[in-house]
Amino acid sequence: MKKQKNIQFDSLPMKFNPGLKKYEPELPLKKLNKEIQIKVDWKWIWIIIITLLIFIGLFYWKIV
């Protein structure tokens, strides 16, 4: 016969719940403190602004 291994569980910290008037295990929750950062590629924004200024200048020069 094979021997059965005794499994030992880590005891969870107990916390008193006044609503139910009993102690319950406090389950660990993962806390993510990562903030979402948006990266802006300024090169393309400058290219768009410069091309818009050129087209507006050409359009204005054509009308006047």
C-alpha atoms as a PDB file:
ATOM      1  CA  MET A   1       0.000   0.000   0.000  1.00  0.00           C
ATOM      2  CA  LYS A   2       1.089   3.517  -0.749  1.00  0.00           C
ATOM      3  CA  LYS A   3       1.423   5.941   2.083  1.00  0.00           C
ATOM      4  CA  GLN A   4      -0.894   8.909   2.007  1.00  0.00           C
ATOM      5  CA  LYS A   5       0.871  12.233   2.252  1.00  0.00           C
ATOM      6  CA  ASN A   6      -0.369  14.724   4.762  1.00  0.00           C
ATOM      7  CA  ILE A   7      -1.177  17.944   2.973  1.00  0.00           C
ATOM      8  CA  GLN A   8      -0.530  21.035   5.020  1.00  0.00           C
ATOM      9  CA  PHE A   9      -2.372  24.198   4.113  1.00  0.00           C
ATOM     10  CA  ASP A  10      -1.115  27.623   5.024  1.00  0.00           C
ATOM     11  CA  SER A  11      -3.501  29.126   7.485  1.00  0.00           C
ATOM     12  CA  LEU A  12      -5.155  32.277   6.204  1.00  0.00           C
ATOM     13  CA  PRO A  13      -5.425  35.323   8.467  1.00  0.00           C
ATOM     14  CA  MET A  14      -8.829  35.414  10.090  1.00  0.00           C
ATOM     15  CA  LYS A  15     -10.903  38.568  10.299  1.00  0.00           C
ATOM     16  CA  PHE A  16     -14.070  39.115  12.319  1.00  0.00           C
ATOM     17  CA  ASN A  17     -17.176  39.899  10.280  1.00  0.00           C
ATOM     18  CA  PRO A  18     -19.586  41.830  12.521  1.00  0.00           C
ATOM     19  CA  GLY A  19     -22.501  41.353  10.107  1.00  0.00           C
ATOM     20  CA  LEU A  20     -22.395  37.575  10.348  1.00  0.00           C
ATOM     21  CA  LYS A  21     -20.867  37.617  13.851  1.00  0.00           C
ATOM     22  CA  LYS A  22     -18.164  35.124  13.007  1.00  0.00           C
ATOM     23  CA  TYR A  23     -14.557  34.950  11.913  1.00  0.00           C
ATOM     24  CA  GLU A  24     -13.837  34.489   8.224  1.00  0.00           C
ATOM     25  CA  PRO A  25     -10.585  33.971   6.350  1.00  0.00           C
ATOM     26  CA  GLU A  26      -9.247  37.140   4.780  1.00  0.00           C
ATOM     27  CA  LEU A  27      -8.473  36.251   1.178  1.00  0.00           C
ATOM     28  CA  PRO A  28      -5.490  37.960  -0.418  1.00  0.00           C
ATOM     29  CA  LEU A  29      -6.430  40.169  -3.352  1.00  0.00           C
ATOM     30  CA  LYS A  30      -4.037  41.208  -6.078  1.00  0.00           C
ATOM     31  CA  LYS A  31      -3.596  44.944  -6.236  1.00  0.00           C
ATOM     32  CA  LEU A  32      -2.398  46.384  -9.506  1.00  0.00           C
ATOM     33  CA  ASN A  33      -0.853  49.801  -9.116  1.00  0.00           C
ATOM     34  CA  LYS A  34      -0.049  50.188 -12.786  1.00  0.00           C
ATOM     35  CA  GLU A  35      -1.256  53.373 -14.380  1.00  0.00           C
ATOM     36  CA  ILE A  36      -2.049  53.442 -18.061  1.00  0.00           C
ATOM     37  CA  GLN A  37       0.359  55.682 -19.898  1.00  0.00           C
ATOM     38  CA  ILE A  38      -0.388  56.955 -23.374  1.00  0.00           C
ATOM     39  CA  LYS A  39       2.606  57.442 -25.611  1.00  0.00           C
ATOM     40  CA  VAL A  40       2.278  60.236 -28.136  1.00  0.00           C
ATOM     41  CA  ASP A  41       4.436  60.236 -31.243  1.00  0.00           C
ATOM     42  CA  TRP A  42       5.080  63.955 -31.625  1.00  0.00           C
ATOM     43  CA  LYS A  43       6.825  63.532 -34.980  1.00  0.00           C
ATOM     44  CA  TRP A  44       3.569  62.694 -36.766  1.00  0.00           C
ATOM     45  CA  ILE A  45       1.651  65.455 -35.015  1.00  0.00           C
ATOM     46  CA  TRP A  46       4.226  68.047 -36.165  1.00  0.00           C
ATOM     47  CA  ILE A  47       4.104  66.687 -39.724  1.00  0.00           C
ATOM     48  CA  ILE A  48       0.298  66.992 -39.790  1.00  0.00           C
ATOM     49  CA  ILE A  49       0.393  70.544 -38.374  1.00  0.00           C
ATOM     50  CA  ILE A  50       3.031  71.682 -40.880  1.00  0.00           C
ATOM     51  CA  THR A  51       1.181  70.173 -43.856  1.00  0.00           C
ATOM     52  CA  LEU A  52      -2.068  71.815 -42.725  1.00  0.00           C
ATOM     53  CA  LEU A  53      -0.310  75.184 -42.467  1.00  0.00           C
ATOM     54  CA  ILE A  54       1.157  74.745 -45.952  1.00  0.00           C
ATOM     55  CA  PHE A  55      -2.229  73.862 -47.464  1.00  0.00           C
ATOM     56  CA  ILE A  56      -3.948  76.740 -45.665  1.00  0.00           C
ATOM     57  CA  GLY A  57      -1.198  79.112 -46.902  1.00  0.00           C
ATOM     58  CA  LEU A  58      -1.520  77.874 -50.506  1.00  0.00           C
ATOM     59  CA  PHE A  59      -5.311  78.116 -50.374  1.00  0.00           C
ATOM     60  CA  TYR A  60      -5.149  81.656 -48.964  1.00  0.00           C
ATOM     61  CA  TRP A  61      -2.509  82.674 -51.529  1.00  0.00           C
ATOM     62  CA  LYS A  62      -4.670  81.308 -54.373  1.00  0.00           C
ATOM     63  CA  ILE A  63      -7.771  83.266 -53.233  1.00  0.00           C
ATOM     64  CA  VAL A  64      -6.028  86.565 -52.508  1.00  0.00           C
END
